[in-house]
């Protein structure tokens, strides 16, 4: 059985833990609200896009993908060249 002093200490620790949990809850609720606002804004922008904006986005995506493919091909060729150098040195 716990003494009065030990119980007071335990109660104090539990109160501190509760305060920490309350702070954490506020942080999570704030993050959730921010995410909700961001999603609402993005959804609103997508719904009200014009055809010209859609076409521009598709073109930008296609340009990005083609550039990414070229970069990947360059990296693959470089790695293959390094393999040949290493194999040739042995």
N, C-alpha and C. Protein backbone atom coordinates (compact mmCIF):
# COMPACT_ATOMS: atom_id res chain seq x y z
N UNK A 1 0.84 -1.17 0.00
CA UNK A 1 0.00 0.00 0.00
C UNK A 1 0.89 1.24 0.00
N UNK A 2 0.48 2.24 -0.78
CA UNK A 2 1.29 3.45 -0.93
C UNK A 2 1.06 4.41 0.24
N UNK A 3 2.12 5.10 0.57
CA UNK A 3 1.99 6.11 1.61
C UNK A 3 1.40 7.37 0.99
N UNK A 4 1.01 8.29 1.85
CA UNK A 4 0.40 9.54 1.36
C UNK A 4 1.39 10.32 0.51
N UNK A 5 2.63 10.33 0.91
CA UNK A 5 3.66 11.06 0.18
C UNK A 5 3.85 10.47 -1.22
N UNK A 6 3.88 9.13 -1.31
CA UNK A 6 4.05 8.46 -2.60
C UNK A 6 2.85 8.71 -3.51
N UNK A 7 1.66 8.71 -2.90
CA UNK A 7 0.45 8.96 -3.69
C UNK A 7 0.43 10.38 -4.24
N UNK A 8 0.85 11.35 -3.41
CA UNK A 8 0.90 12.73 -3.88
C UNK A 8 1.90 12.88 -5.03
N UNK A 9 3.00 12.20 -4.91
CA UNK A 9 4.02 12.23 -5.97
C UNK A 9 3.45 11.64 -7.26
N UNK A 10 2.76 10.51 -7.13
CA UNK A 10 2.17 9.86 -8.30
C UNK A 10 1.09 10.74 -8.94
N UNK A 11 0.28 11.38 -8.10
CA UNK A 11 -0.76 12.28 -8.60
C UNK A 11 -0.13 13.44 -9.35
N UNK A 12 0.95 13.99 -8.81
CA UNK A 12 1.65 15.10 -9.45
C UNK A 12 2.19 14.68 -10.82
N UNK A 13 2.78 13.48 -10.90
CA UNK A 13 3.30 12.97 -12.17
C UNK A 13 2.17 12.77 -13.18
N UNK A 14 1.05 12.24 -12.72
CA UNK A 14 -0.09 12.03 -13.61
C UNK A 14 -0.65 13.35 -14.12
N UNK A 15 -0.70 14.36 -13.27
CA UNK A 15 -1.18 15.68 -13.71
C UNK A 15 -0.26 16.25 -14.78
N UNK A 16 1.04 16.09 -14.58
CA UNK A 16 2.01 16.58 -15.56
C UNK A 16 1.82 15.84 -16.90
N UNK A 17 1.60 14.54 -16.81
CA UNK A 17 1.38 13.75 -18.03
C UNK A 17 0.11 14.19 -18.74
N UNK A 18 -0.93 14.48 -17.99
CA UNK A 18 -2.19 14.95 -18.58
C UNK A 18 -1.98 16.28 -19.30
N UNK A 19 -1.23 17.18 -18.69
CA UNK A 19 -0.94 18.46 -19.33
C UNK A 19 -0.19 18.26 -20.65
N UNK A 20 0.78 17.37 -20.65
CA UNK A 20 1.52 17.08 -21.87
C UNK A 20 0.60 16.53 -22.96
N UNK A 21 -0.31 15.66 -22.55
CA UNK A 21 -1.25 15.08 -23.51
C UNK A 21 -2.21 16.14 -24.06
N UNK A 22 -2.62 17.07 -23.22
CA UNK A 22 -3.48 18.16 -23.69
C UNK A 22 -2.76 19.02 -24.72
N UNK A 23 -1.49 19.31 -24.46
CA UNK A 23 -0.70 20.10 -25.41
C UNK A 23 -0.56 19.35 -26.73
N UNK A 24 -0.28 18.06 -26.65
CA UNK A 24 -0.13 17.24 -27.85
C UNK A 24 -1.45 17.20 -28.64
N UNK A 25 -2.57 17.10 -27.91
CA UNK A 25 -3.87 17.08 -28.57
C UNK A 25 -4.12 18.39 -29.32
N UNK A 26 -3.79 19.52 -28.70
CA UNK A 26 -3.96 20.81 -29.37
C UNK A 26 -3.12 20.88 -30.64
N UNK A 27 -1.88 20.38 -30.56
CA UNK A 27 -1.01 20.37 -31.72
C UNK A 27 -1.60 19.53 -32.85
N UNK A 28 -2.08 18.33 -32.51
CA UNK A 28 -2.67 17.46 -33.53
C UNK A 28 -3.92 18.08 -34.15
N UNK A 29 -4.76 18.70 -33.32
CA UNK A 29 -5.96 19.34 -33.86
C UNK A 29 -5.61 20.50 -34.78
N UNK A 30 -4.59 21.25 -34.41
CA UNK A 30 -4.14 22.36 -35.25
C UNK A 30 -3.63 21.85 -36.60
N UNK A 31 -2.83 20.79 -36.56
CA UNK A 31 -2.31 20.21 -37.80
C UNK A 31 -3.44 19.67 -38.67
N UNK A 32 -4.42 19.04 -38.03
CA UNK A 32 -5.57 18.51 -38.76
C UNK A 32 -6.36 19.63 -39.42
N UNK A 33 -6.57 20.71 -38.69
CA UNK A 33 -7.30 21.85 -39.24
C UNK A 33 -6.54 22.47 -40.42
N UNK A 34 -5.22 22.60 -40.28
CA UNK A 34 -4.41 23.15 -41.37
C UNK A 34 -4.49 22.26 -42.61
N UNK A 35 -4.42 20.95 -42.41
CA UNK A 35 -4.51 20.01 -43.53
C UNK A 35 -5.89 20.12 -44.19
N UNK A 36 -6.92 20.25 -43.38
CA UNK A 36 -8.28 20.38 -43.92
C UNK A 36 -8.39 21.65 -44.76
N UNK A 37 -7.87 22.75 -44.25
CA UNK A 37 -7.92 24.03 -44.99
C UNK A 37 -7.15 23.92 -46.31
N UNK A 38 -6.00 23.29 -46.26
CA UNK A 38 -5.18 23.13 -47.47
C UNK A 38 -5.91 22.27 -48.50
N UNK A 39 -6.49 21.15 -48.04
CA UNK A 39 -7.22 20.28 -48.96
C UNK A 39 -8.44 20.99 -49.55
N UNK A 40 -9.12 21.77 -48.74
CA UNK A 40 -10.28 22.51 -49.24
C UNK A 40 -9.86 23.50 -50.32
N UNK A 41 -8.77 24.19 -50.08
CA UNK A 41 -8.27 25.17 -51.06
C UNK A 41 -7.88 24.47 -52.37
N UNK A 42 -7.17 23.34 -52.26
CA UNK A 42 -6.76 22.61 -53.47
C UNK A 42 -7.98 22.08 -54.23
N UNK A 43 -8.94 21.54 -53.49
CA UNK A 43 -10.16 21.03 -54.13
C UNK A 43 -10.89 22.16 -54.85
N UNK A 44 -10.98 23.31 -54.21
CA UNK A 44 -11.65 24.47 -54.80
C UNK A 44 -10.93 24.90 -56.08
N UNK A 45 -9.59 24.93 -56.04
CA UNK A 45 -8.82 25.31 -57.23
C UNK A 45 -9.03 24.31 -58.37
N UNK A 46 -9.05 23.03 -58.05
CA UNK A 46 -9.24 22.00 -59.08
C UNK A 46 -10.62 22.09 -59.71
N UNK A 47 -11.63 22.33 -58.89
CA UNK A 47 -13.00 22.40 -59.40
C UNK A 47 -13.18 23.59 -60.33
N UNK A 48 -12.51 24.70 -60.05
CA UNK A 48 -12.71 25.93 -60.81
C UNK A 48 -11.62 26.17 -61.86
N UNK A 49 -10.93 25.11 -62.27
CA UNK A 49 -9.90 25.26 -63.30
C UNK A 49 -10.52 25.44 -64.68
N UNK A 50 -9.87 26.23 -65.51
CA UNK A 50 -10.33 26.37 -66.89
C UNK A 50 -9.64 25.29 -67.73
N UNK A 51 -10.14 25.11 -68.93
CA UNK A 51 -9.57 24.12 -69.84
C UNK A 51 -8.12 24.50 -70.17
N UNK A 52 -7.86 25.78 -70.34
CA UNK A 52 -6.50 26.22 -70.64
C UNK A 52 -5.53 25.86 -69.52
N UNK A 53 -5.98 26.00 -68.27
CA UNK A 53 -5.13 25.65 -67.14
C UNK A 53 -4.86 24.15 -67.09
N UNK A 54 -5.87 23.34 -67.42
CA UNK A 54 -5.70 21.89 -67.45
C UNK A 54 -4.68 21.51 -68.51
N UNK A 55 -4.81 22.08 -69.69
CA UNK A 55 -3.89 21.79 -70.78
C UNK A 55 -2.47 22.20 -70.39
N UNK A 56 -2.31 23.36 -69.78
CA UNK A 56 -0.99 23.83 -69.36
C UNK A 56 -0.39 22.89 -68.32
N UNK A 57 -1.21 22.40 -67.38
CA UNK A 57 -0.70 21.46 -66.37
C UNK A 57 -0.27 20.15 -67.01
N UNK A 58 -1.05 19.65 -67.96
CA UNK A 58 -0.69 18.40 -68.63
C UNK A 58 0.60 18.56 -69.42
N UNK A 59 0.77 19.70 -70.06
CA UNK A 59 1.99 19.95 -70.83
C UNK A 59 3.20 20.02 -69.89
N UNK A 60 3.04 20.72 -68.78
CA UNK A 60 4.13 20.84 -67.80
C UNK A 60 4.50 19.47 -67.25
N UNK A 61 3.50 18.63 -66.99
CA UNK A 61 3.77 17.28 -66.48
C UNK A 61 4.50 16.44 -67.51
N UNK A 62 4.07 16.53 -68.77
CA UNK A 62 4.73 15.77 -69.84
C UNK A 62 6.18 16.22 -70.01
N UNK A 63 6.42 17.54 -69.93
CA UNK A 63 7.79 18.06 -70.02
C UNK A 63 8.64 17.55 -68.86
N UNK A 64 8.07 17.57 -67.67
CA UNK A 64 8.80 17.09 -66.49
C UNK A 64 9.15 15.61 -66.63
N UNK A 65 8.17 14.81 -67.06
CA UNK A 65 8.41 13.37 -67.20
C UNK A 65 9.47 13.09 -68.26
N UNK A 66 9.42 13.80 -69.39
CA UNK A 66 10.42 13.56 -70.44
C UNK A 66 11.81 13.96 -69.95
N UNK A 67 11.89 15.06 -69.19
CA UNK A 67 13.18 15.48 -68.65
C UNK A 67 13.69 14.47 -67.63
N UNK A 68 12.79 13.94 -66.82
CA UNK A 68 13.16 12.95 -65.81
C UNK A 68 13.67 11.67 -66.48
N UNK A 69 13.03 11.28 -67.58
CA UNK A 69 13.47 10.08 -68.30
C UNK A 69 14.86 10.28 -68.88
N UNK A 70 15.11 11.48 -69.44
CA UNK A 70 16.45 11.77 -69.97
C UNK A 70 17.51 11.73 -68.87
N UNK A 71 17.17 12.30 -67.71
CA UNK A 71 18.11 12.27 -66.59
C UNK A 71 18.38 10.84 -66.14
N UNK A 72 17.35 10.02 -66.08
CA UNK A 72 17.51 8.63 -65.67
C UNK A 72 18.37 7.88 -66.68
N UNK A 73 18.16 8.13 -67.96
CA UNK A 73 18.98 7.48 -68.98
C UNK A 73 20.44 7.89 -68.84
N UNK A 74 20.67 9.17 -68.54
CA UNK A 74 22.03 9.67 -68.36
C UNK A 74 22.70 8.98 -67.16
N UNK A 75 21.98 8.86 -66.07
CA UNK A 75 22.52 8.22 -64.87
C UNK A 75 22.81 6.75 -65.15
N UNK A 76 21.90 6.06 -65.83
CA UNK A 76 22.11 4.65 -66.16
C UNK A 76 23.35 4.48 -67.04
N UNK A 77 23.51 5.35 -68.05
CA UNK A 77 24.68 5.27 -68.93
C UNK A 77 25.96 5.52 -68.15
N UNK A 78 25.93 6.48 -67.22
CA UNK A 78 27.10 6.80 -66.41
C UNK A 78 27.48 5.61 -65.52
N UNK A 79 26.46 5.00 -64.89
CA UNK A 79 26.73 3.84 -64.02
C UNK A 79 27.28 2.67 -64.83
N UNK A 80 26.75 2.47 -66.02
CA UNK A 80 27.25 1.40 -66.87
C UNK A 80 28.70 1.67 -67.27
N UNK A 81 29.02 2.92 -67.58
CA UNK A 81 30.38 3.29 -67.94
C UNK A 81 31.32 3.05 -66.76
N UNK A 82 30.86 3.36 -65.55
CA UNK A 82 31.68 3.12 -64.36
C UNK A 82 31.92 1.62 -64.16
N UNK A 83 30.92 0.80 -64.43
CA UNK A 83 31.08 -0.66 -64.34
C UNK A 83 32.14 -1.15 -65.32
N UNK A 84 32.10 -0.62 -66.55
CA UNK A 84 33.05 -1.03 -67.56
C UNK A 84 34.46 -0.64 -67.13
N UNK A 85 34.61 0.55 -66.57
CA UNK A 85 35.93 1.00 -66.10
C UNK A 85 36.44 0.11 -64.99
N UNK A 86 35.55 -0.23 -64.06
CA UNK A 86 35.96 -1.07 -62.94
C UNK A 86 36.32 -2.48 -63.43
N UNK A 87 35.47 -3.03 -64.31
CA UNK A 87 35.76 -4.38 -64.84
C UNK A 87 37.02 -4.37 -65.67
N UNK A 88 37.27 -3.30 -66.43
CA UNK A 88 38.46 -3.20 -67.27
C UNK A 88 39.73 -3.07 -66.44
N UNK A 89 39.61 -2.45 -65.25
CA UNK A 89 40.78 -2.25 -64.39
C UNK A 89 41.20 -3.54 -63.71
N UNK A 90 40.28 -4.46 -63.56
CA UNK A 90 40.61 -5.74 -62.90
C UNK A 90 41.34 -6.59 -63.84
